[in-house]
Amino acid sequence: MRLSFKIKKMPDLRITISDGPKPNIKIFALNGEMDESSIEPLKREVDTVTADVNVKKLIFDLKNLEFINSKGIGYLVYAHTHVSKLQKEIILANAKEAVMDVISLVGLTTIIRYFDTLDEAFLHL
């Protein structure tokens, strides 16, 4: 007897949103992989948070992000452009070496501020 079934792939990115040290800051803790399968859920969360006129800064905590590909980088560029038009800012922080290698390679830190730790990011806000 042969069984056949299709497994629905769930997005490999888990997103936890929390309040920052100031009321106008939200922290997006990203856990897992940032690729084409995970962009839409992240986009929805960012759109929801940026709809709040009081939120001015979104910090993406990359501590638990294991992987990012060109689609993930492309989304970060799109999100940066989108939130900048709303007078808001995206900040990246706390990336693992493999993720930071990709971010650096494409020059993302020339358009989006990056800090080695969350505490360092908080000091510069």
PDB file of N, CA and C in Angstrom:
ATOM      1  N   MET A   1       0.848  -1.173   0.000  1.00  0.00           N
ATOM      2  CA  MET A   1       0.000   0.000   0.000  1.00  0.00           C
ATOM      3  C   MET A   1       0.898   1.242   0.000  1.00  0.00           C
ATOM      4  N   ARG A   2       0.522   2.193  -0.809  1.00  0.00           N
ATOM      5  CA  ARG A   2       1.300   3.424  -0.944  1.00  0.00           C
ATOM      6  C   ARG A   2       0.436   4.612  -0.538  1.00  0.00           C
ATOM      7  N   LEU A   3       0.960   5.428   0.360  1.00  0.00           N
ATOM      8  CA  LEU A   3       0.245   6.624   0.789  1.00  0.00           C
ATOM      9  C   LEU A   3       0.861   7.833   0.111  1.00  0.00           C
ATOM     10  N   SER A   4       0.011   8.757  -0.258  1.00  0.00           N
ATOM     11  CA  SER A   4       0.482   9.990  -0.868  1.00  0.00           C
ATOM     12  C   SER A   4      -0.229  11.153  -0.199  1.00  0.00           C
ATOM     13  N   PHE A   5       0.523  12.128   0.180  1.00  0.00           N
ATOM     14  CA  PHE A   5      -0.084  13.323   0.764  1.00  0.00           C
ATOM     15  C   PHE A   5       0.810  14.514   0.503  1.00  0.00           C
ATOM     16  N   LYS A   6       0.204  15.652   0.581  1.00  0.00           N
ATOM     17  CA  LYS A   6       0.928  16.895   0.328  1.00  0.00           C
ATOM     18  C   LYS A   6       1.076  17.645   1.647  1.00  0.00           C
ATOM     19  N   ILE A   7       2.289  18.059   1.933  1.00  0.00           N
ATOM     20  CA  ILE A   7       2.543  18.823   3.150  1.00  0.00           C
ATOM     21  C   ILE A   7       2.562  20.297   2.784  1.00  0.00           C
ATOM     22  N   LYS A   8       1.715  21.052   3.464  1.00  0.00           N
ATOM     23  CA  LYS A   8       1.700  22.491   3.233  1.00  0.00           C
ATOM     24  C   LYS A   8       2.866  23.108   3.993  1.00  0.00           C
ATOM     25  N   LYS A   9       3.713  23.797   3.265  1.00  0.00           N
ATOM     26  CA  LYS A   9       4.878  24.441   3.883  1.00  0.00           C
ATOM     27  C   LYS A   9       4.424  25.714   4.596  1.00  0.00           C
ATOM     28  N   MET A  10       4.711  25.757   5.863  1.00  0.00           N
ATOM     29  CA  MET A  10       4.390  26.939   6.650  1.00  0.00           C
ATOM     30  C   MET A  10       5.566  27.913   6.560  1.00  0.00           C
ATOM     31  N   PRO A  11       5.283  29.196   6.661  1.00  0.00           N
ATOM     32  CA  PRO A  11       6.392  30.149   6.652  1.00  0.00           C
ATOM     33  C   PRO A  11       7.405  29.800   7.739  1.00  0.00           C
ATOM     34  N   ASP A  12       8.666  29.894   7.391  1.00  0.00           N
ATOM     35  CA  ASP A  12       9.738  29.534   8.310  1.00  0.00           C
ATOM     36  C   ASP A  12      10.211  30.719   9.134  1.00  0.00           C
ATOM     37  N   LEU A  13       9.425  31.773   9.171  1.00  0.00           N
ATOM     38  CA  LEU A  13       9.799  32.959   9.931  1.00  0.00           C
ATOM     39  C   LEU A  13       8.752  33.195  11.008  1.00  0.00           C
ATOM     40  N   ARG A  14       9.220  33.280  12.235  1.00  0.00           N
ATOM     41  CA  ARG A  14       8.335  33.625  13.340  1.00  0.00           C
ATOM     42  C   ARG A  14       8.647  35.067  13.738  1.00  0.00           C
ATOM     43  N   ILE A  15       7.596  35.828  13.946  1.00  0.00           N
ATOM     44  CA  ILE A  15       7.731  37.254  14.215  1.00  0.00           C
ATOM     45  C   ILE A  15       7.100  37.555  15.569  1.00  0.00           C
ATOM     46  N   THR A  16       7.870  38.166  16.438  1.00  0.00           N
ATOM     47  CA  THR A  16       7.350  38.602  17.730  1.00  0.00           C
ATOM     48  C   THR A  16       7.530  40.113  17.789  1.00  0.00           C
ATOM     49  N   ILE A  17       6.435  40.812  18.047  1.00  0.00           N
ATOM     50  CA  ILE A  17       6.483  42.273  18.108  1.00  0.00           C
ATOM     51  C   ILE A  17       6.325  42.707  19.561  1.00  0.00           C
ATOM     52  N   SER A  18       7.225  43.573  19.998  1.00  0.00           N
ATOM     53  CA  SER A  18       7.145  44.075  21.368  1.00  0.00           C
ATOM     54  C   SER A  18       7.406  45.574  21.381  1.00  0.00           C
ATOM     55  N   ASP A  19       7.096  46.172  22.511  1.00  0.00           N
ATOM     56  CA  ASP A  19       7.329  47.603  22.681  1.00  0.00           C
ATOM     57  C   ASP A  19       8.812  47.855  22.931  1.00  0.00           C
ATOM     58  N   GLY A  20       9.292  48.966  22.404  1.00  0.00           N
ATOM     59  CA  GLY A  20      10.663  49.375  22.639  1.00  0.00           C
ATOM     60  C   GLY A  20      10.776  50.168  23.922  1.00  0.00           C
ATOM     61  N   PRO A  21      11.941  50.746  24.174  1.00  0.00           N
ATOM     62  CA  PRO A  21      12.149  51.517  25.402  1.00  0.00           C
ATOM     63  C   PRO A  21      11.394  52.849  25.415  1.00  0.00           C
ATOM     64  N   LYS A  22      10.940  53.288  24.265  1.00  0.00           N
ATOM     65  CA  LYS A  22      10.128  54.496  24.153  1.00  0.00           C
ATOM     66  C   LYS A  22       8.822  54.107  23.477  1.00  0.00           C
ATOM     67  N   PRO A  23       7.735  54.847  23.733  1.00  0.00           N
ATOM     68  CA  PRO A  23       6.432  54.469  23.180  1.00  0.00           C
ATOM     69  C   PRO A  23       6.343  54.520  21.650  1.00  0.00           C
ATOM     70  N   ASN A  24       7.262  55.221  21.000  1.00  0.00           N
ATOM     71  CA  ASN A  24       7.178  55.334  19.544  1.00  0.00           C
ATOM     72  C   ASN A  24       8.047  54.295  18.822  1.00  0.00           C
ATOM     73  N   ILE A  25       8.531  53.280  19.567  1.00  0.00           N
ATOM     74  CA  ILE A  25       9.411  52.254  18.998  1.00  0.00           C
ATOM     75  C   ILE A  25       8.776  50.878  19.148  1.00  0.00           C
ATOM     76  N   LYS A  26       8.822  50.093  18.086  1.00  0.00           N
ATOM     77  CA  LYS A  26       8.390  48.695  18.119  1.00  0.00           C
ATOM     78  C   LYS A  26       9.567  47.820  17.710  1.00  0.00           C
ATOM     79  N   ILE A  27       9.706  46.696  18.377  1.00  0.00           N
ATOM     80  CA  ILE A  27      10.773  45.754  18.072  1.00  0.00           C
ATOM     81  C   ILE A  27      10.167  44.518  17.419  1.00  0.00           C
ATOM     82  N   PHE A  28      10.702  44.171  16.256  1.00  0.00           N
ATOM     83  CA  PHE A  28      10.299  42.968  15.534  1.00  0.00           C
ATOM     84  C   PHE A  28      11.405  41.930  15.725  1.00  0.00           C
ATOM     85  N   ALA A  29      11.192  40.944  16.576  1.00  0.00           N
ATOM     86  CA  ALA A  29      12.158  39.862  16.748  1.00  0.00           C
ATOM     87  C   ALA A  29      11.863  38.822  15.668  1.00  0.00           C
ATOM     88  N   LEU A  30      12.841  38.602  14.790  1.00  0.00           N
ATOM     89  CA  LEU A  30      12.672  37.666  13.679  1.00  0.00           C
ATOM     90  C   LEU A  30      13.421  36.383  14.000  1.00  0.00           C
ATOM     91  N   ASN A  31      12.710  35.266  13.874  1.00  0.00           N
ATOM     92  CA  ASN A  31      13.266  33.969  14.234  1.00  0.00           C
ATOM     93  C   ASN A  31      13.043  32.999  13.089  1.00  0.00           C
ATOM     94  N   GLY A  32      14.121  32.441  12.542  1.00  0.00           N
ATOM     95  CA  GLY A  32      13.987  31.455  11.477  1.00  0.00           C
ATOM     96  C   GLY A  32      14.631  31.909  10.195  1.00  0.00           C
ATOM     97  N   GLU A  33      13.877  31.782   9.102  1.00  0.00           N
ATOM     98  CA  GLU A  33      14.395  32.090   7.774  1.00  0.00           C
ATOM     99  C   GLU A  33      13.554  33.158   7.093  1.00  0.00           C
ATOM    100  N   MET A  34      14.227  34.105   6.467  1.00  0.00           N
ATOM    101  CA  MET A  34      13.546  35.180   5.756  1.00  0.00           C
ATOM    102  C   MET A  34      13.762  34.971   4.263  1.00  0.00           C
ATOM    103  N   ASP A  35      12.711  34.432   3.624  1.00  0.00           N
ATOM    104  CA  ASP A  35      12.773  34.170   2.187  1.00  0.00           C
ATOM    105  C   ASP A  35      11.395  34.410   1.588  1.00  0.00           C
ATOM    106  N   GLU A  36      11.196  33.990   0.349  1.00  0.00           N
ATOM    107  CA  GLU A  36       9.937  34.283  -0.339  1.00  0.00           C
ATOM    108  C   GLU A  36       8.707  33.726   0.374  1.00  0.00           C
ATOM    109  N   SER A  37       8.851  32.644   1.124  1.00  0.00           N
ATOM    110  CA  SER A  37       7.701  32.067   1.816  1.00  0.00           C
ATOM    111  C   SER A  37       7.301  32.858   3.059  1.00  0.00           C
ATOM    112  N   SER A  38       8.170  33.720   3.530  1.00  0.00           N
ATOM    113  CA  SER A  38       7.875  34.422   4.784  1.00  0.00           C
ATOM    114  C   SER A  38       7.662  35.923   4.625  1.00  0.00           C
ATOM    115  N   ILE A  39       7.768  36.428   3.420  1.00  0.00           N
ATOM    116  CA  ILE A  39       7.667  37.877   3.212  1.00  0.00           C
ATOM    117  C   ILE A  39       6.254  38.410   3.478  1.00  0.00           C
ATOM    118  N   GLU A  40       5.246  37.726   2.981  1.00  0.00           N
ATOM    119  CA  GLU A  40       3.869  38.243   3.134  1.00  0.00           C
ATOM    120  C   GLU A  40       3.439  38.391   4.596  1.00  0.00           C
ATOM    121  N   PRO A  41       3.672  37.381   5.446  1.00  0.00           N
ATOM    122  CA  PRO A  41       3.298  37.584   6.855  1.00  0.00           C
ATOM    123  C   PRO A  41       4.057  38.754   7.497  1.00  0.00           C
ATOM    124  N   LEU A  42       5.323  38.915   7.176  1.00  0.00           N
ATOM    125  CA  LEU A  42       6.095  40.031   7.715  1.00  0.00           C
ATOM    126  C   LEU A  42       5.562  41.354   7.187  1.00  0.00           C
ATOM    127  N   LYS A  43       5.253  41.402   5.911  1.00  0.00           N
ATOM    128  CA  LYS A  43       4.703  42.622   5.304  1.00  0.00           C
ATOM    129  C   LYS A  43       3.402  43.033   5.996  1.00  0.00           C
ATOM    130  N   ARG A  44       2.528  42.065   6.253  1.00  0.00           N
ATOM    131  CA  ARG A  44       1.266  42.366   6.940  1.00  0.00           C
ATOM    132  C   ARG A  44       1.516  42.952   8.330  1.00  0.00           C
ATOM    133  N   GLU A  45       2.457  42.365   9.060  1.00  0.00           N
ATOM    134  CA  GLU A  45       2.763  42.860  10.413  1.00  0.00           C
ATOM    135  C   GLU A  45       3.352  44.269  10.370  1.00  0.00           C
ATOM    136  N   VAL A  46       4.268  44.506   9.447  1.00  0.00           N
ATOM    137  CA  VAL A  46       4.870  45.842   9.314  1.00  0.00           C
ATOM    138  C   VAL A  46       3.793  46.853   8.930  1.00  0.00           C
ATOM    139  N   ASP A  47       2.927  46.504   7.985  1.00  0.00           N
ATOM    140  CA  ASP A  47       1.852  47.420   7.578  1.00  0.00           C
ATOM    141  C   ASP A  47       0.927  47.751   8.750  1.00  0.00           C
ATOM    142  N   THR A  48       0.615  46.756   9.566  1.00  0.00           N
ATOM    143  CA  THR A  48      -0.251  46.977  10.728  1.00  0.00           C
ATOM    144  C   THR A  48       0.408  47.934  11.718  1.00  0.00           C
ATOM    145  N   VAL A  49       1.671  47.711  12.010  1.00  0.00           N
ATOM    146  CA  VAL A  49       2.377  48.562  12.982  1.00  0.00           C
ATOM    147  C   VAL A  49       2.570  49.973  12.436  1.00  0.00           C
ATOM    148  N   THR A  50       2.932  50.104  11.165  1.00  0.00           N
ATOM    149  CA  THR A  50       3.176  51.449  10.619  1.00  0.00           C
ATOM    150  C   THR A  50       1.884  52.240  10.434  1.00  0.00           C
ATOM    151  N   ALA A  51       0.741  51.569  10.488  1.00  0.00           N
ATOM    152  CA  ALA A  51      -0.533  52.288  10.420  1.00  0.00           C
ATOM    153  C   ALA A  51      -0.765  53.120  11.683  1.00  0.00           C
ATOM    154  N   ASP A  52      -0.082  52.770  12.767  1.00  0.00           N
ATOM    155  CA  ASP A  52      -0.175  53.531  14.017  1.00  0.00           C
ATOM    156  C   ASP A  52       0.679  54.791  13.869  1.00  0.00           C
ATOM    157  N   VAL A  53       0.030  55.943  13.870  1.00  0.00           N
ATOM    158  CA  VAL A  53       0.752  57.204  13.647  1.00  0.00           C
ATOM    159  C   VAL A  53       1.765  57.505  14.748  1.00  0.00           C
ATOM    160  N   ASN A  54       1.608  56.894  15.914  1.00  0.00           N
ATOM    161  CA  ASN A  54       2.527  57.152  17.026  1.00  0.00           C
ATOM    162  C   ASN A  54       3.849  56.388  16.894  1.00  0.00           C
ATOM    163  N   VAL A  55       3.858  55.319  16.122  1.00  0.00           N
ATOM    164  CA  VAL A  55       5.079  54.529  15.952  1.00  0.00           C
ATOM    165  C   VAL A  55       5.962  55.201  14.915  1.00  0.00           C
ATOM    166  N   LYS A  56       7.204  55.479  15.285  1.00  0.00           N
ATOM    167  CA  LYS A  56       8.136  56.175  14.393  1.00  0.00           C
ATOM    168  C   LYS A  56       9.335  55.319  13.998  1.00  0.00           C
ATOM    169  N   LYS A  57       9.665  54.312  14.815  1.00  0.00           N
ATOM    170  CA  LYS A  57      10.839  53.482  14.532  1.00  0.00           C
ATOM    171  C   LYS A  57      10.485  52.008  14.713  1.00  0.00           C
ATOM    172  N   LEU A  58      10.959  51.196  13.763  1.00  0.00           N
ATOM    173  CA  LEU A  58      10.801  49.749  13.817  1.00  0.00           C
ATOM    174  C   LEU A  58      12.197  49.152  13.848  1.00  0.00           C
ATOM    175  N   ILE A  59      12.508  48.461  14.927  1.00  0.00           N
ATOM    176  CA  ILE A  59      13.811  47.813  15.037  1.00  0.00           C
ATOM    177  C   ILE A  59      13.626  46.332  14.728  1.00  0.00           C
ATOM    178  N   PHE A  60      14.335  45.846  13.736  1.00  0.00           N
ATOM    179  CA  PHE A  60      14.304  44.428  13.407  1.00  0.00           C
ATOM    180  C   PHE A  60      15.458  43.761  14.150  1.00  0.00           C
ATOM    181  N   ASP A  61      15.114  42.988  15.176  1.00  0.00           N
ATOM    182  CA  ASP A  61      16.112  42.245  15.949  1.00  0.00           C
ATOM    183  C   ASP A  61      16.383  40.933  15.207  1.00  0.00           C
ATOM    184  N   LEU A  62      17.575  40.814  14.660  1.00  0.00           N
ATOM    185  CA  LEU A  62      17.936  39.685  13.807  1.00  0.00           C
ATOM    186  C   LEU A  62      18.693  38.594  14.565  1.00  0.00           C
ATOM    187  N   LYS A  63      18.684  38.637  15.874  1.00  0.00           N
ATOM    188  CA  LYS A  63      19.457  37.708  16.699  1.00  0.00           C
ATOM    189  C   LYS A  63      19.171  36.243  16.355  1.00  0.00           C
ATOM    190  N   ASN A  64      17.920  35.909  16.131  1.00  0.00           N
ATOM    191  CA  ASN A  64      17.538  34.519  15.871  1.00  0.00           C
ATOM    192  C   ASN A  64      17.192  34.256  14.411  1.00  0.00           C
ATOM    193  N   LEU A  65      17.559  35.180  13.540  1.00  0.00           N
ATOM    194  CA  LEU A  65      17.369  34.959  12.101  1.00  0.00           C
ATOM    195  C   LEU A  65      18.525  34.100  11.612  1.00  0.00           C
ATOM    196  N   GLU A  66      18.202  32.934  11.086  1.00  0.00           N
ATOM    197  CA  GLU A  66      19.221  31.974  10.668  1.00  0.00           C
ATOM    198  C   GLU A  66      19.638  32.142   9.209  1.00  0.00           C
ATOM    199  N   PHE A  67      18.735  32.711   8.399  1.00  0.00           N
ATOM    200  CA  PHE A  67      18.971  32.742   6.953  1.00  0.00           C
ATOM    201  C   PHE A  67      18.212  33.904   6.344  1.00  0.00           C
ATOM    202  N   ILE A  68      18.813  34.552   5.362  1.00  0.00           N
ATOM    203  CA  ILE A  68      18.125  35.563   4.559  1.00  0.00           C
ATOM    204  C   ILE A  68      18.640  35.422   3.130  1.00  0.00           C
ATOM    205  N   ASN A  69      17.715  35.482   2.170  1.00  0.00           N
ATOM    206  CA  ASN A  69      18.139  35.409   0.764  1.00  0.00           C
ATOM    207  C   ASN A  69      17.789  36.716   0.062  1.00  0.00           C
ATOM    208  N   SER A  70      17.929  36.729  -1.257  1.00  0.00           N
ATOM    209  CA  SER A  70      17.704  37.961  -2.015  1.00  0.00           C
ATOM    210  C   SER A  70      16.270  38.471  -1.877  1.00  0.00           C
ATOM    211  N   LYS A  71      15.308  37.590  -1.737  1.00  0.00           N
ATOM    212  CA  LYS A  71      13.916  38.036  -1.542  1.00  0.00           C
ATOM    213  C   LYS A  71      13.769  38.749  -0.193  1.00  0.00           C
ATOM    214  N   GLY A  72      14.436  38.243   0.820  1.00  0.00           N
ATOM    215  CA  GLY A  72      14.408  38.885   2.135  1.00  0.00           C
ATOM    216  C   GLY A  72      15.077  40.252   2.100  1.00  0.00           C
ATOM    217  N   ILE A  73      16.217  40.333   1.425  1.00  0.00           N
ATOM    218  CA  ILE A  73      16.913  41.615   1.270  1.00  0.00           C
ATOM    219  C   ILE A  73      16.033  42.585   0.485  1.00  0.00           C
ATOM    220  N   GLY A  74      15.428  42.090  -0.582  1.00  0.00           N
ATOM    221  CA  GLY A  74      14.541  42.924  -1.391  1.00  0.00           C
ATOM    222  C   GLY A  74      13.384  43.468  -0.576  1.00  0.00           C
ATOM    223  N   TYR A  75      12.826  42.625   0.314  1.00  0.00           N
ATOM    224  CA  TYR A  75      11.740  43.116   1.155  1.00  0.00           C
ATOM    225  C   TYR A  75      12.229  44.214   2.099  1.00  0.00           C
ATOM    226  N   LEU A  76      13.402  44.044   2.689  1.00  0.00           N
ATOM    227  CA  LEU A  76      13.924  45.073   3.597  1.00  0.00           C
ATOM    228  C   LEU A  76      14.107  46.403   2.887  1.00  0.00           C
ATOM    229  N   VAL A  77      14.567  46.361   1.643  1.00  0.00           N
ATOM    230  CA  VAL A  77      14.709  47.601   0.857  1.00  0.00           C
ATOM    231  C   VAL A  77      13.332  48.207   0.597  1.00  0.00           C
ATOM    232  N   TYR A  78      12.374  47.368   0.199  1.00  0.00           N
ATOM    233  CA  TYR A  78      11.002  47.847  -0.027  1.00  0.00           C
ATOM    234  C   TYR A  78      10.434  48.464   1.262  1.00  0.00           C
ATOM    235  N   ALA A  79      10.579  47.751   2.383  1.00  0.00           N
ATOM    236  CA  ALA A  79      10.022  48.228   3.654  1.00  0.00           C
ATOM    237  C   ALA A  79      10.665  49.544   4.062  1.00  0.00           C
ATOM    238  N   HIS A  80      11.973  49.645   3.890  1.00  0.00           N
ATOM    239  CA  HIS A  80      12.678  50.894   4.201  1.00  0.00           C
ATOM    240  C   HIS A  80      12.099  52.052   3.382  1.00  0.00           C
ATOM    241  N   THR A  81      11.932  51.843   2.091  1.00  0.00           N
ATOM    242  CA  THR A  81      11.389  52.884   1.210  1.00  0.00           C
ATOM    243  C   THR A  81       9.969  53.254   1.628  1.00  0.00           C
ATOM    244  N   HIS A  82       9.157  52.240   1.884  1.00  0.00           N
ATOM    245  CA  HIS A  82       7.755  52.445   2.258  1.00  0.00           C
ATOM    246  C   HIS A  82       7.630  53.229   3.570  1.00  0.00           C
ATOM    247  N   VAL A  83       8.344  52.803   4.600  1.00  0.00           N
ATOM    248  CA  VAL A  83       8.193  53.480   5.892  1.00  0.00           C
ATOM    249  C   VAL A  83       8.843  54.858   5.892  1.00  0.00           C
ATOM    250  N   SER A  84       9.870  55.040   5.085  1.00  0.00           N
ATOM    251  CA  SER A  84      10.492  56.372   4.980  1.00  0.00           C
ATOM    252  C   SER A  84       9.502  57.395   4.445  1.00  0.00           C
ATOM    253  N   LYS A  85       8.675  56.980   3.506  1.00  0.00           N
ATOM    254  CA  LYS A  85       7.642  57.879   2.965  1.00  0.00           C
ATOM    255  C   LYS A  85       6.631  58.278   4.032  1.00  0.00           C
ATOM    256  N   LEU A  86       6.510  57.449   5.075  1.00  0.00           N
ATOM    257  CA  LEU A  86       5.590  57.729   6.178  1.00  0.00           C
ATOM    258  C   LEU A  86       6.285  58.467   7.322  1.00  0.00           C
ATOM    259  N   GLN A  87       7.518  58.947   7.073  1.00  0.00           N
ATOM    260  CA  GLN A  87       8.312  59.647   8.089  1.00  0.00           C
ATOM    261  C   GLN A  87       8.672  58.714   9.251  1.00  0.00           C
ATOM    262  N   LYS A  88       8.922  57.450   8.941  1.00  0.00           N
ATOM    263  CA  LYS A  88       9.290  56.448   9.938  1.00  0.00           C
ATOM    264  C   LYS A  88      10.613  55.821   9.518  1.00  0.00           C
ATOM    265  N   GLU A  89      11.195  55.009  10.407  1.00  0.00           N
ATOM    266  CA  GLU A  89      12.498  54.434  10.112  1.00  0.00           C
ATOM    267  C   GLU A  89      12.554  52.966  10.518  1.00  0.00           C
ATOM    268  N   ILE A  90      13.231  52.177   9.694  1.00  0.00           N
ATOM    269  CA  ILE A  90      13.562  50.798  10.035  1.00  0.00           C
ATOM    270  C   ILE A  90      15.035  50.768  10.421  1.00  0.00           C
ATOM    271  N   ILE A  91      15.316  50.055  11.503  1.00  0.00           N
ATOM    272  CA  ILE A  91      16.681  49.882  11.991  1.00  0.00           C
ATOM    273  C   ILE A  91      16.925  48.387  12.142  1.00  0.00           C
ATOM    274  N   LEU A  92      18.096  47.924  11.737  1.00  0.00           N
ATOM    275  CA  LEU A  92      18.480  46.522  11.880  1.00  0.00           C
ATOM    276  C   LEU A  92      19.456  46.402  13.047  1.00  0.00           C
ATOM    277  N   ALA A  93      19.357  45.282  13.773  1.00  0.00           N
ATOM    278  CA  ALA A  93      20.261  45.084  14.907  1.00  0.00           C
ATOM    279  C   ALA A  93      20.483  43.603  15.174  1.00  0.00           C
ATOM    280  N   ASN A  94      21.682  43.312  15.741  1.00  0.00           N
ATOM    281  CA  ASN A  94      21.901  42.032  16.398  1.00  0.00           C
ATOM    282  C   ASN A  94      21.991  40.826  15.460  1.00  0.00           C
ATOM    283  N   ALA A  95      22.496  40.966  14.255  1.00  0.00           N
ATOM    284  CA  ALA A  95      22.512  39.855  13.296  1.00  0.00           C
ATOM    285  C   ALA A  95      23.625  38.855  13.589  1.00  0.00           C
ATOM    286  N   LYS A  96      23.325  37.588  13.325  1.00  0.00           N
ATOM    287  CA  LYS A  96      24.349  36.545  13.375  1.00  0.00           C
ATOM    288  C   LYS A  96      25.323  36.767  12.222  1.00  0.00           C
ATOM    289  N   GLU A  97      26.493  36.168  12.346  1.00  0.00           N
ATOM    290  CA  GLU A  97      27.541  36.389  11.358  1.00  0.00           C
ATOM    291  C   GLU A  97      27.102  36.035   9.933  1.00  0.00           C
ATOM    292  N   ALA A  98      26.440  34.897   9.739  1.00  0.00           N
ATOM    293  CA  ALA A  98      26.035  34.487   8.391  1.00  0.00           C
ATOM    294  C   ALA A  98      25.039  35.465   7.771  1.00  0.00           C
ATOM    295  N   VAL A  99      24.098  35.940   8.571  1.00  0.00           N
ATOM    296  CA  VAL A  99      23.111  36.910   8.085  1.00  0.00           C
ATOM    297  C   VAL A  99      23.788  38.253   7.831  1.00  0.00           C
ATOM    298  N   MET A 100      24.676  38.655   8.727  1.00  0.00           N
ATOM    299  CA  MET A 100      25.381  39.921   8.562  1.00  0.00           C
ATOM    300  C   MET A 100      26.260  39.904   7.326  1.00  0.00           C
ATOM    301  N   ASP A 101      26.830  38.744   7.002  1.00  0.00           N
ATOM    302  CA  ASP A 101      27.643  38.630   5.789  1.00  0.00           C
ATOM    303  C   ASP A 101      26.820  38.984   4.550  1.00  0.00           C
ATOM    304  N   VAL A 102      25.592  38.482   4.476  1.00  0.00           N
ATOM    305  CA  VAL A 102      24.712  38.767   3.337  1.00  0.00           C
ATOM    306  C   VAL A 102      24.326  40.241   3.329  1.00  0.00           C
ATOM    307  N   ILE A 103      23.929  40.758   4.489  1.00  0.00           N
ATOM    308  CA  ILE A 103      23.520  42.165   4.597  1.00  0.00           C
ATOM    309  C   ILE A 103      24.659  43.091   4.175  1.00  0.00           C
ATOM    310  N   SER A 104      25.864  42.780   4.614  1.00  0.00           N
ATOM    311  CA  SER A 104      27.028  43.598   4.257  1.00  0.00           C
ATOM    312  C   SER A 104      27.386  43.470   2.789  1.00  0.00           C
ATOM    313  N   LEU A 105      27.327  42.251   2.290  1.00  0.00           N
ATOM    314  CA  LEU A 105      27.702  41.985   0.904  1.00  0.00           C
ATOM    315  C   LEU A 105      26.891  42.822  -0.081  1.00  0.00           C
ATOM    316  N   VAL A 106      25.600  42.972   0.198  1.00  0.00           N
ATOM    317  CA  VAL A 106      24.744  43.731  -0.720  1.00  0.00           C
ATOM    318  C   VAL A 106      24.711  45.226  -0.390  1.00  0.00           C
ATOM    319  N   GLY A 107      25.406  45.624   0.661  1.00  0.00           N
ATOM    320  CA  GLY A 107      25.481  47.045   0.998  1.00  0.00           C
ATOM    321  C   GLY A 107      24.239  47.597   1.670  1.00  0.00           C
ATOM    322  N   LEU A 108      23.448  46.743   2.296  1.00  0.00           N
ATOM    323  CA  LEU A 108      22.194  47.189   2.906  1.00  0.00           C
ATOM    324  C   LEU A 108      22.423  48.211   4.018  1.00  0.00           C
ATOM    325  N   THR A 109      23.539  48.102   4.705  1.00  0.00           N
ATOM    326  CA  THR A 109      23.790  49.038   5.809  1.00  0.00           C
ATOM    327  C   THR A 109      24.117  50.443   5.333  1.00  0.00           C
ATOM    328  N   THR A 110      24.239  50.636   4.020  1.00  0.00           N
ATOM    329  CA  THR A 110      24.432  51.992   3.509  1.00  0.00           C
ATOM    330  C   THR A 110      23.106  52.743   3.413  1.00  0.00           C
ATOM    331  N   ILE A 111      21.990  52.011   3.450  1.00  0.00           N
ATOM    332  CA  ILE A 111      20.682  52.684   3.396  1.00  0.00           C
ATOM    333  C   ILE A 111      19.846  52.477   4.658  1.00  0.00           C
ATOM    334  N   ILE A 112      20.120  51.401   5.401  1.00  0.00           N
ATOM    335  CA  ILE A 112      19.382  51.122   6.640  1.00  0.00           C
ATOM    336  C   ILE A 112      20.395  51.062   7.774  1.00  0.00           C
ATOM    337  N   ARG A 113      20.137  51.832   8.830  1.00  0.00           N
ATOM    338  CA  ARG A 113      21.071  51.823   9.963  1.00  0.00           C
ATOM    339  C   ARG A 113      21.133  50.442  10.597  1.00  0.00           C
ATOM    340  N   TYR A 114      22.339  50.057  11.005  1.00  0.00           N
ATOM    341  CA  TYR A 114      22.564  48.770  11.654  1.00  0.00           C
ATOM    342  C   TYR A 114      23.378  48.981  12.920  1.00  0.00           C
ATOM    343  N   PHE A 115      22.999  48.241  13.985  1.00  0.00           N
ATOM    344  CA  PHE A 115      23.734  48.255  15.246  1.00  0.00           C
ATOM    345  C   PHE A 115      24.003  46.818  15.672  1.00  0.00           C
ATOM    346  N   ASP A 116      25.153  46.598  16.305  1.00  0.00           N
ATOM    347  CA  ASP A 116      25.547  45.247  16.710  1.00  0.00           C
ATOM    348  C   ASP A 116      24.653  44.652  17.787  1.00  0.00           C
ATOM    349  N   THR A 117      24.076  45.498  18.628  1.00  0.00           N
ATOM    350  CA  THR A 117      23.204  45.017  19.710  1.00  0.00           C
ATOM    351  C   THR A 117      21.963  45.894  19.796  1.00  0.00           C
ATOM    352  N   LEU A 118      20.947  45.383  20.458  1.00  0.00           N
ATOM    353  CA  LEU A 118      19.749  46.192  20.699  1.00  0.00           C
ATOM    354  C   LEU A 118      20.073  47.374  21.609  1.00  0.00           C
ATOM    355  N   ASP A 119      20.882  47.125  22.630  1.00  0.00           N
ATOM    356  CA  ASP A 119      21.234  48.220  23.541  1.00  0.00           C
ATOM    357  C   ASP A 119      21.916  49.361  22.807  1.00  0.00           C
ATOM    358  N   GLU A 120      22.804  49.017  21.871  1.00  0.00           N
ATOM    359  CA  GLU A 120      23.478  50.042  21.078  1.00  0.00           C
ATOM    360  C   GLU A 120      22.459  50.818  20.230  1.00  0.00           C
ATOM    361  N   ALA A 121      21.502  50.106  19.663  1.00  0.00           N
ATOM    362  CA  ALA A 121      20.454  50.763  18.871  1.00  0.00           C
ATOM    363  C   ALA A 121      19.652  51.712  19.758  1.00  0.00           C
ATOM    364  N   PHE A 122      19.298  51.279  20.959  1.00  0.00           N
ATOM    365  CA  PHE A 122      18.530  52.120  21.874  1.00  0.00           C
ATOM    366  C   PHE A 122      19.287  53.399  22.237  1.00  0.00           C
ATOM    367  N   LEU A 123      20.600  53.302  22.379  1.00  0.00           N
ATOM    368  CA  LEU A 123      21.407  54.470  22.736  1.00  0.00           C
ATOM    369  C   LEU A 123      21.399  55.537  21.649  1.00  0.00           C
ATOM    370  N   HIS A 124      21.188  55.116  20.395  1.00  0.00           N
ATOM    371  CA  HIS A 124      21.241  56.044  19.271  1.00  0.00           C
ATOM    372  C   HIS A 124      19.866  56.522  18.798  1.00  0.00           C
ATOM    373  N   LEU A 125      18.851  56.254  19.577  1.00  0.00           N
ATOM    374  CA  LEU A 125      17.502  56.680  19.177  1.00  0.00           C
ATOM    375  C   LEU A 125      17.103  57.969  19.836  1.00  0.00           C
TER     376      LEU A 125
END
